[in-house]
Amino acid sequence: MANDTHIVNAICYESLQLAHAENAFKLGADVYLASAAKPTKGVEEAYDHYPRVAKQCECQY
């Protein structure tokens, strides 16, 4: 927690699992911070993946 902001971090693999993000949101996360090391193709896929995760979690709660 920083300045009353609840931050949940995720390593590369965790951040690819929707259930991890959903659990973070259920725990009251204000920020979901994903750390990932990816090749160029993976970065391009991440640009599509992470906004979808954010939208799915936002709509469910």
Protein backbone atom coordinates (compact mmCIF):
# COMPACT_ATOMS: atom_id res chain seq x y z
CA MET A 1 0.00 0.00 0.00
CA ALA A 2 1.32 3.44 -0.89
CA ASN A 3 -0.47 6.66 0.01
CA ASP A 4 -3.70 4.70 0.63
CA THR A 5 -3.40 3.02 -2.77
CA HIS A 6 -3.59 -0.78 -2.61
CA ILE A 7 -1.09 -2.16 -5.15
CA VAL A 8 -0.97 -5.82 -6.16
CA ASN A 9 1.98 -6.94 -8.25
CA ALA A 10 2.20 -9.85 -10.66
CA ILE A 11 5.12 -11.56 -12.31
CA CYS A 12 4.97 -12.38 -16.00
CA TYR A 13 3.19 -15.75 -15.73
CA GLU A 14 0.70 -14.61 -13.09
CA SER A 15 -0.27 -11.59 -15.14
CA LEU A 16 -1.33 -13.89 -17.98
CA GLN A 17 -3.83 -15.68 -15.74
CA LEU A 18 -7.15 -13.85 -15.60
CA ALA A 19 -7.93 -15.46 -12.23
CA HIS A 20 -4.89 -13.74 -10.70
CA ALA A 21 -6.09 -10.30 -11.77
CA GLU A 22 -9.63 -11.07 -10.64
CA ASN A 23 -8.35 -12.15 -7.22
CA ALA A 24 -6.28 -8.98 -6.93
CA PHE A 25 -9.35 -6.91 -7.67
CA LYS A 26 -11.41 -8.89 -5.11
CA LEU A 27 -8.71 -8.14 -2.54
CA GLY A 28 -9.25 -4.44 -3.15
CA ALA A 29 -6.43 -3.62 -5.54
CA ASP A 30 -6.47 -0.09 -6.89
CA VAL A 31 -3.46 -0.84 -9.09
CA TYR A 32 -2.47 -4.13 -10.71
CA LEU A 33 1.22 -3.88 -11.52
CA ALA A 34 2.48 -6.49 -13.97
CA SER A 35 6.16 -7.08 -14.57
CA ALA A 36 6.99 -8.98 -17.73
CA ALA A 37 10.01 -9.72 -19.89
CA LYS A 38 8.94 -10.52 -23.40
CA PRO A 39 10.35 -10.66 -26.93
CA THR A 40 8.91 -8.24 -29.47
CA LYS A 41 6.05 -10.57 -30.43
CA GLY A 42 5.16 -11.02 -26.77
CA VAL A 43 5.08 -7.28 -26.19
CA GLU A 44 2.72 -6.86 -29.13
CA GLU A 45 0.45 -9.56 -27.69
CA ALA A 46 0.64 -7.92 -24.26
CA TYR A 47 -0.70 -4.66 -25.72
CA ASP A 48 -3.86 -6.61 -26.53
CA HIS A 49 -3.96 -8.83 -23.43
CA TYR A 50 -3.63 -6.38 -20.55
CA PRO A 51 -6.38 -3.95 -21.60
CA ARG A 52 -8.73 -6.96 -22.00
CA VAL A 53 -7.87 -8.10 -18.46
CA ALA A 54 -8.55 -4.63 -17.10
CA LYS A 55 -11.91 -4.42 -18.87
CA GLN A 56 -13.00 -7.89 -17.77
CA CYS A 57 -12.16 -7.26 -14.12
CA GLU A 58 -13.76 -3.81 -14.18
CA CYS A 59 -17.03 -5.09 -15.63
CA GLN A 60 -17.35 -7.93 -13.15
CA TYR A 61 -17.18 -5.77 -10.03
